[in-house]
């Protein structure tokens, strides 16, 4: 009794509503995994490879897929034999060329779609880093960066050949920069196009190299590049300077210079997006009685009036004192300040006595009790601020 065929969708591991791209991707993975060249002598792998190829041949053809969805495997029984496919199945309508080109490219190090380097190619980008201060990041600045760049060799004019000689057409590829390799595969003859190994895709061979550039056509020179740091740039962001990278090939433009910015830490300020954060210590007396204090910002000191009775960790917002937007310097974030009440560590005898007096007036001394509550004997209870003023004014 013949073995029952598995569902084609199950074979490829896709759903029944899979589109063409999904089918092709799934088949490529299965075909590469079970390809006979990857599994020599493995009959089970060969069987699965044939099974996957048959499934893809049906599902990649819209008409065959419609028939299969309606009638299943019965749609192809009796009328498909003798057409040269696996197990009598006809693969005539399926296009495997691009898939097998990719597979054999992986297997043998080439690629059906390989191209030489004959056309203009942009040069490689160069990456450098630069360190700036916190304030320079906020307001922007100008910096100078030393970079080693390649320029056309003046001796050979960039040809790479010794003066008096010229590059020759590569005999291996005929100047095309590509070579075609023919390989015998499970499906027959497959052609793979690869970059020419002799000329590396240039189509030219240099017999006598220029002594100054060793045949590269370029010499390296140190150059100083002006870098404009925009206001508001953040740590880790990069600045792109067009065409200050490696030279291009075959008339292509230079690559770019990518400058990554590192912002040094600030002893007072921290940054989050466009906002700046800092902590300002205030004394107990300033918090209790209120006071005018100076707060440092990136724009300089600003005066701020601490309200009487301010608690520790109170947040203050200084609008527009933050970091400018890197896209619009007229738009700025805010500066958020946390006021922290400091407990004095070193007190004079006079200061200690004043605090003890304040503690007594507040009724916080151990064993003491408040006399008079403002309701008996006609005495009014003193408030906290009255007690503070009395303690510090004595």
Protein backbone atom coordinates (compact mmCIF):
# COMPACT_ATOMS: atom_id res chain seq x y z
CA UNK A 1 0.00 0.00 0.00
CA UNK A 2 1.45 3.39 -1.02
CA UNK A 3 2.37 5.76 1.78
CA UNK A 4 -0.13 8.63 2.18
CA UNK A 5 1.23 12.02 1.18
CA UNK A 6 1.55 14.74 3.77
CA UNK A 7 -0.34 17.99 3.39
CA UNK A 8 1.73 20.40 1.28
CA UNK A 9 1.22 23.29 3.71
CA UNK A 10 2.40 21.06 6.53
CA UNK A 11 5.49 20.05 4.53
CA UNK A 12 6.56 23.69 4.14
CA UNK A 13 5.41 24.67 7.62
CA UNK A 14 3.11 27.50 6.49
CA UNK A 15 -0.54 28.37 6.96
CA UNK A 16 -3.10 27.94 4.18
CA UNK A 17 -3.32 31.70 3.66
CA UNK A 18 0.47 32.11 3.20
CA UNK A 19 1.42 34.55 0.44
CA UNK A 20 4.00 33.98 -2.30
CA UNK A 21 6.88 35.54 -0.37
CA UNK A 22 6.15 33.39 2.69
CA UNK A 23 6.02 30.23 0.56
CA UNK A 24 9.32 31.03 -1.11
CA UNK A 25 11.05 31.79 2.19
CA UNK A 26 9.73 28.58 3.78
CA UNK A 27 10.77 26.44 0.81
CA UNK A 28 14.24 28.01 0.72
CA UNK A 29 14.80 27.06 4.36
CA UNK A 30 13.55 23.48 3.94
CA UNK A 31 15.41 22.94 0.63
CA UNK A 32 18.68 24.18 2.09
CA UNK A 33 18.29 21.97 5.16
CA UNK A 34 17.57 18.75 3.24
CA UNK A 35 19.46 19.39 -0.01
CA UNK A 36 21.37 16.23 -1.09
CA UNK A 37 24.61 18.18 -1.44
CA UNK A 38 24.29 19.12 2.23
CA UNK A 39 23.32 15.56 3.23
CA UNK A 40 25.30 13.18 0.97
CA UNK A 41 24.06 9.58 1.19
CA UNK A 42 21.11 10.47 3.43
CA UNK A 43 18.05 8.86 1.83
CA UNK A 44 15.63 10.38 4.36
CA UNK A 45 16.94 13.91 3.68
CA UNK A 46 16.62 13.31 -0.07
CA UNK A 47 13.04 12.16 0.42
CA UNK A 48 12.15 15.30 2.40
CA UNK A 49 13.84 17.49 -0.19
CA UNK A 50 11.74 15.93 -2.98
CA UNK A 51 8.62 16.26 -0.85
CA UNK A 52 9.27 19.98 -0.21
CA UNK A 53 10.05 20.62 -3.89
CA UNK A 54 6.81 18.97 -4.94
CA UNK A 55 4.85 21.00 -2.38
CA UNK A 56 6.38 24.27 -3.53
CA UNK A 57 5.81 23.42 -7.21
CA UNK A 58 2.08 23.14 -6.52
CA UNK A 59 1.58 25.97 -4.04
CA UNK A 60 3.65 28.49 -5.99
CA UNK A 61 1.45 28.00 -9.06
CA UNK A 62 -1.88 29.86 -8.55
CA UNK A 63 -3.94 27.43 -10.67
CA UNK A 64 -2.42 24.28 -9.15
CA UNK A 65 -2.82 25.74 -5.68
CA UNK A 66 -6.52 26.44 -6.38
CA UNK A 67 -7.00 22.85 -7.50
CA UNK A 68 -5.12 21.49 -4.51
CA UNK A 69 -7.11 23.59 -2.06
CA UNK A 70 -10.32 22.25 -3.61
CA UNK A 71 -9.50 18.59 -4.21
CA UNK A 72 -6.31 17.88 -2.27
CA UNK A 73 -3.79 15.39 -3.69
CA UNK A 74 -6.57 13.81 -5.79
CA UNK A 75 -6.36 16.83 -8.12
CA UNK A 76 -3.11 15.48 -9.59
CA UNK A 77 -3.63 11.72 -9.51
CA UNK A 78 -3.59 9.89 -12.82
CA UNK A 79 -2.68 12.82 -15.03
CA UNK A 80 0.68 13.93 -13.80
CA UNK A 81 2.90 10.93 -14.55
CA UNK A 82 5.66 10.79 -17.10
CA UNK A 83 6.49 14.47 -17.10
CA UNK A 84 9.93 14.17 -15.59
CA UNK A 85 9.27 15.26 -12.03
CA UNK A 86 10.06 13.47 -8.80
CA UNK A 87 7.88 10.44 -8.40
CA UNK A 88 6.18 11.24 -11.69
CA UNK A 89 5.20 14.78 -10.65
CA UNK A 90 5.47 17.60 -13.18
CA UNK A 91 7.48 20.64 -12.04
CA UNK A 92 7.09 22.48 -15.32
CA UNK A 93 5.26 25.53 -13.96
CA UNK A 94 7.51 26.25 -10.99
CA UNK A 95 10.47 28.63 -11.12
CA UNK A 96 13.26 27.39 -8.84
CA UNK A 97 16.08 29.36 -10.46
CA UNK A 98 16.40 32.22 -7.98
CA UNK A 99 15.96 29.95 -4.98
CA UNK A 100 18.60 27.45 -6.11
CA UNK A 101 20.90 30.32 -7.00
CA UNK A 102 20.74 31.45 -3.37
CA UNK A 103 21.13 27.91 -2.06
CA UNK A 104 24.17 27.12 -4.19
CA UNK A 105 25.64 30.47 -3.33
CA UNK A 106 25.53 29.43 0.33
CA UNK A 107 26.83 25.96 -0.43
CA UNK A 108 29.73 26.89 -2.66
CA UNK A 109 30.56 30.43 -1.57
CA UNK A 110 29.10 32.19 -4.60
CA UNK A 111 25.79 33.61 -5.65
CA UNK A 112 23.72 33.51 -8.78
CA UNK A 113 23.09 37.22 -8.41
CA UNK A 114 26.69 38.20 -7.71
CA UNK A 115 27.90 41.37 -9.35
CA UNK A 116 31.28 42.80 -10.00
CA UNK A 117 32.39 46.24 -8.90
CA UNK A 118 32.28 47.89 -12.32
CA UNK A 119 29.73 50.61 -11.48
CA UNK A 120 30.38 53.68 -9.33
CA UNK A 121 30.50 52.77 -5.65
CA UNK A 122 30.33 55.10 -2.66
CA UNK A 123 33.33 54.93 -0.34
CA UNK A 124 33.25 53.51 3.17
CA UNK A 125 32.20 55.71 6.08
CA UNK A 126 34.73 56.67 8.73
CA UNK A 127 33.77 56.69 12.40
CA UNK A 128 35.43 58.94 14.97
CA UNK A 129 34.51 60.06 18.48
CA UNK A 130 34.79 63.40 20.24
CA UNK A 131 34.34 64.42 23.90
CA UNK A 132 32.66 67.68 24.91
CA UNK A 133 31.57 69.29 28.17
CA UNK A 134 28.01 69.40 29.49
CA UNK A 135 27.73 73.11 28.67
CA UNK A 136 29.09 72.58 25.14
CA UNK A 137 26.39 69.99 24.56
CA UNK A 138 23.71 72.40 25.79
CA UNK A 139 24.78 75.45 23.79
CA UNK A 140 26.70 73.88 20.89
CA UNK A 141 30.29 74.59 19.87
CA UNK A 142 32.91 74.26 17.16
CA UNK A 143 35.54 71.53 17.38
CA UNK A 144 38.43 70.44 15.22
CA UNK A 145 39.03 66.77 14.55
CA UNK A 146 42.17 65.21 13.04
CA UNK A 147 41.37 62.47 10.56
CA UNK A 148 43.52 60.32 8.27
CA UNK A 149 41.98 60.45 4.78
CA UNK A 150 42.99 58.81 1.53
CA UNK A 151 43.65 60.99 -1.52
CA UNK A 152 44.49 59.99 -5.11
CA UNK A 153 48.20 59.25 -5.40
CA UNK A 154 49.86 62.24 -7.11
CA UNK A 155 52.60 60.09 -8.63
CA UNK A 156 50.34 57.69 -10.57
CA UNK A 157 47.26 59.90 -10.76
CA UNK A 158 45.22 57.33 -8.85
CA UNK A 159 45.69 54.48 -11.36
CA UNK A 160 47.92 52.44 -9.05
CA UNK A 161 50.28 51.68 -11.95
CA UNK A 162 53.92 52.68 -12.09
CA UNK A 163 54.42 55.93 -14.06
CA UNK A 164 54.91 55.09 -17.71
CA UNK A 165 52.68 52.00 -17.47
CA UNK A 166 48.93 51.44 -17.40
CA UNK A 167 46.55 48.92 -15.84
CA UNK A 168 45.67 46.02 -18.17
CA UNK A 169 42.35 44.37 -18.82
CA UNK A 170 41.97 41.35 -16.54
CA UNK A 171 42.40 38.20 -18.69
CA UNK A 172 40.38 36.02 -16.34
CA UNK A 173 37.13 38.01 -16.56
CA UNK A 174 37.79 39.99 -19.73
CA UNK A 175 37.39 43.25 -17.85
CA UNK A 176 33.87 42.43 -16.61
CA UNK A 177 34.88 42.02 -13.00
CA UNK A 178 32.84 38.80 -12.82
CA UNK A 179 33.40 35.16 -13.59
CA UNK A 180 30.78 32.47 -14.18
CA UNK A 181 31.14 29.05 -12.53
CA UNK A 182 29.15 26.06 -13.75
CA UNK A 183 28.24 23.43 -11.15
CA UNK A 184 26.42 20.15 -11.39
CA UNK A 185 23.63 19.97 -8.88
CA UNK A 186 20.82 17.62 -8.01
CA UNK A 187 18.67 19.50 -10.52
CA UNK A 188 21.27 19.62 -13.25
CA UNK A 189 23.65 22.38 -14.32
CA UNK A 190 23.60 25.59 -12.27
CA UNK A 191 25.56 28.73 -13.11
CA UNK A 192 26.89 31.00 -10.36
CA UNK A 193 28.32 34.47 -10.95
CA UNK A 194 31.08 35.63 -8.61
CA UNK A 195 33.44 38.56 -8.28
CA UNK A 196 36.63 37.88 -10.21
CA UNK A 197 39.30 36.68 -7.73
CA UNK A 198 42.19 38.04 -9.83
CA UNK A 199 41.08 41.68 -10.23
CA UNK A 200 38.67 41.76 -7.25
CA UNK A 201 35.89 43.10 -9.46
CA UNK A 202 37.82 46.05 -10.93
CA UNK A 203 38.29 44.44 -14.35
CA UNK A 204 41.92 45.63 -14.33
CA UNK A 205 45.27 44.04 -13.50
CA UNK A 206 48.26 46.14 -12.45
CA UNK A 207 51.49 44.46 -13.57
CA UNK A 208 53.86 47.14 -12.28
CA UNK A 209 52.65 48.89 -9.16
CA UNK A 210 53.27 52.52 -8.29
CA UNK A 211 56.06 52.68 -5.68
CA UNK A 212 54.39 55.50 -3.73
CA UNK A 213 50.95 53.92 -3.22
CA UNK A 214 51.88 50.22 -3.73
CA UNK A 215 49.26 49.89 -6.44
CA UNK A 216 46.30 51.10 -4.37
CA UNK A 217 46.04 54.43 -6.18
CA UNK A 218 45.75 56.30 -2.88
CA UNK A 219 48.01 57.86 -0.26
CA UNK A 220 46.99 58.69 3.31
CA UNK A 221 47.16 62.23 4.67
CA UNK A 222 46.30 63.73 8.05
CA UNK A 223 43.65 66.42 7.79
CA UNK A 224 41.88 68.66 10.26
CA UNK A 225 38.11 68.67 9.88
CA UNK A 226 35.91 71.38 11.42
CA UNK A 227 32.98 69.85 13.31
CA UNK A 228 29.95 71.94 14.24
CA UNK A 229 28.31 70.57 17.38
CA UNK A 230 24.64 71.60 17.37
CA UNK A 231 23.05 72.95 20.56
CA UNK A 232 21.11 70.29 22.44
CA UNK A 233 23.07 67.25 21.22
CA UNK A 234 22.94 64.33 23.65
CA UNK A 235 25.48 61.76 24.74
CA UNK A 236 25.93 58.99 22.16
CA UNK A 237 24.42 60.89 19.23
CA UNK A 238 26.39 61.22 15.99
CA UNK A 239 27.05 64.01 13.53
CA UNK A 240 27.33 63.15 9.82
CA UNK A 241 29.78 65.15 7.71
CA UNK A 242 29.15 64.39 4.06
CA UNK A 243 31.93 63.06 1.81
CA UNK A 244 34.70 63.18 4.40
CA UNK A 245 35.13 59.41 4.48
CA UNK A 246 36.98 56.90 2.30
CA UNK A 247 37.18 57.60 -1.45
CA UNK A 248 34.69 55.90 -3.73
CA UNK A 249 35.46 53.42 -6.50
CA UNK A 250 34.96 53.83 -10.25
CA UNK A 251 33.99 57.47 -9.93
CA UNK A 252 31.73 56.99 -6.91
CA UNK A 253 31.50 59.67 -4.17
CA UNK A 254 33.42 59.59 -0.93
CA UNK A 255 31.87 58.04 2.13
CA UNK A 256 30.84 60.13 5.14
CA UNK A 257 32.53 60.98 8.42
CA UNK A 258 30.39 59.95 11.39
CA UNK A 259 31.40 61.71 14.62
CA UNK A 260 29.98 60.15 17.80
CA UNK A 261 29.66 62.64 20.65
CA UNK A 262 30.52 61.75 24.24
CA UNK A 263 29.33 64.28 26.84
CA UNK A 264 31.33 64.53 30.06
CA UNK A 265 29.51 64.27 33.39
CA UNK A 266 28.69 67.49 35.22
CA UNK A 267 29.33 67.76 38.98
CA UNK A 268 25.93 69.38 39.64
CA UNK A 269 23.59 68.85 36.71
CA UNK A 270 21.99 65.70 35.31
CA UNK A 271 20.16 65.57 32.02
CA UNK A 272 17.11 63.67 30.83
CA UNK A 273 16.04 64.44 27.27
CA UNK A 274 15.62 68.25 27.20
CA UNK A 275 15.35 68.70 30.97
CA UNK A 276 18.07 69.39 33.54
CA UNK A 277 17.91 68.23 37.17
CA UNK A 278 19.88 69.36 40.22
CA UNK A 279 19.72 69.32 44.00
CA UNK A 280 20.16 72.46 46.12
CA UNK A 281 20.75 72.29 49.89
CA UNK A 282 19.03 74.81 52.17
CA UNK A 283 19.29 75.33 55.90
CA UNK A 284 16.60 74.51 58.42
CA UNK A 285 16.12 78.20 59.13
CA UNK A 286 15.75 79.03 55.43
CA UNK A 287 13.15 76.30 55.05
CA UNK A 288 11.23 77.37 58.13
CA UNK A 289 11.41 81.15 57.79
CA UNK A 290 11.74 81.48 54.03
CA UNK A 291 14.68 83.07 52.25
CA UNK A 292 16.06 84.27 48.95
CA UNK A 293 18.62 81.79 47.58
CA UNK A 294 20.79 81.50 44.49
CA UNK A 295 20.32 78.50 42.21
CA UNK A 296 22.95 77.57 39.65
CA UNK A 297 21.72 76.97 36.09
CA UNK A 298 23.47 76.58 32.74
CA UNK A 299 22.54 80.24 32.11
CA UNK A 300 24.12 81.40 35.38
CA UNK A 301 22.75 81.94 38.89
CA UNK A 302 19.09 82.82 39.34
CA UNK A 303 17.39 84.14 42.50
CA UNK A 304 14.58 82.09 44.01
CA UNK A 305 12.39 82.85 47.02
CA UNK A 306 12.00 79.86 49.29
CA UNK A 307 8.56 79.90 50.86
CA UNK A 308 8.27 79.75 54.67
CA UNK A 309 7.57 76.21 55.87
CA UNK A 310 9.17 74.54 52.83
CA UNK A 311 9.63 70.80 53.32
CA UNK A 312 12.66 68.81 52.27
CA UNK A 313 12.56 67.28 48.74
CA UNK A 314 10.34 70.10 47.50
CA UNK A 315 10.52 70.31 43.68
CA UNK A 316 11.06 73.65 41.96
CA UNK A 317 10.60 74.20 38.22
CA UNK A 318 12.66 76.82 36.42
CA UNK A 319 10.88 77.12 33.10
CA UNK A 320 12.99 77.40 29.96
CA UNK A 321 16.30 76.80 31.76
CA UNK A 322 16.82 73.34 30.30
CA UNK A 323 18.41 72.04 27.10
CA UNK A 324 17.52 73.42 23.66
CA UNK A 325 15.95 71.13 21.08
CA UNK A 326 18.61 69.89 18.66
CA UNK A 327 16.13 70.62 15.84
CA UNK A 328 15.07 74.07 17.06
CA UNK A 329 17.33 76.00 19.40
CA UNK A 330 14.45 78.36 20.28
CA UNK A 331 12.65 75.53 22.08
CA UNK A 332 14.10 74.63 25.48
CA UNK A 333 13.30 72.22 28.26
CA UNK A 334 13.06 73.11 31.94
CA UNK A 335 15.36 72.90 34.95
CA UNK A 336 13.97 70.98 37.92
CA UNK A 337 15.52 71.65 41.34
CA UNK A 338 15.05 69.54 44.46
CA UNK A 339 15.39 71.54 47.70
CA UNK A 340 16.93 69.43 50.46
CA UNK A 341 17.05 70.63 54.06
CA UNK A 342 20.49 70.04 55.55
CA UNK A 343 20.91 69.06 59.19
CA UNK A 344 23.84 71.00 60.69
CA UNK A 345 26.71 68.78 61.83
CA UNK A 346 28.95 71.31 63.59
CA UNK A 347 27.23 73.78 65.92
CA UNK A 348 28.68 76.45 68.16
CA UNK A 349 27.62 76.63 71.79
CA UNK A 350 25.48 79.65 70.99
CA UNK A 351 23.74 77.84 68.12
CA UNK A 352 23.11 74.78 70.27
CA UNK A 353 21.56 76.98 72.96
CA UNK A 354 19.33 78.67 70.36
CA UNK A 355 18.10 75.26 69.16
CA UNK A 356 17.42 74.13 72.71
CA UNK A 357 15.45 77.35 73.27
CA UNK A 358 13.50 76.64 70.06
CA UNK A 359 12.83 73.08 71.22
CA UNK A 360 11.47 74.37 74.51
CA UNK A 361 9.23 76.90 72.82
CA UNK A 362 7.94 74.14 70.52
CA UNK A 363 7.09 71.94 73.50
CA UNK A 364 9.32 69.10 72.24
CA UNK A 365 11.61 68.84 75.27
CA UNK A 366 11.31 65.50 77.04
CA UNK A 367 9.25 65.75 80.20
CA UNK A 368 7.90 69.19 79.40
CA UNK A 369 4.26 70.04 78.84
CA UNK A 370 2.54 72.94 77.09
CA UNK A 371 0.84 75.33 79.47
CA UNK A 372 -2.12 77.17 78.15
CA UNK A 373 -3.92 76.11 75.00
CA UNK A 374 -5.38 79.42 73.96
CA UNK A 375 -8.75 78.52 75.44
CA UNK A 376 -7.99 78.57 79.18
CA UNK A 377 -6.83 81.57 81.17
CA UNK A 378 -7.11 83.77 78.08
CA UNK A 379 -3.65 82.74 76.80
CA UNK A 380 -3.21 82.22 73.06
CA UNK A 381 -1.02 79.30 71.96
CA UNK A 382 1.96 80.42 69.90
CA UNK A 383 2.26 79.09 66.38
CA UNK A 384 5.30 77.35 64.90
CA UNK A 385 6.50 80.40 63.00
CA UNK A 386 6.17 82.60 66.10
CA UNK A 387 8.30 80.18 68.09
CA UNK A 388 10.92 80.03 65.32
CA UNK A 389 11.21 83.78 65.11
CA UNK A 390 11.40 84.13 68.89
CA UNK A 391 14.10 81.48 69.16
CA UNK A 392 16.33 82.97 66.50
CA UNK A 393 15.77 86.59 67.47
CA UNK A 394 16.92 86.16 71.07
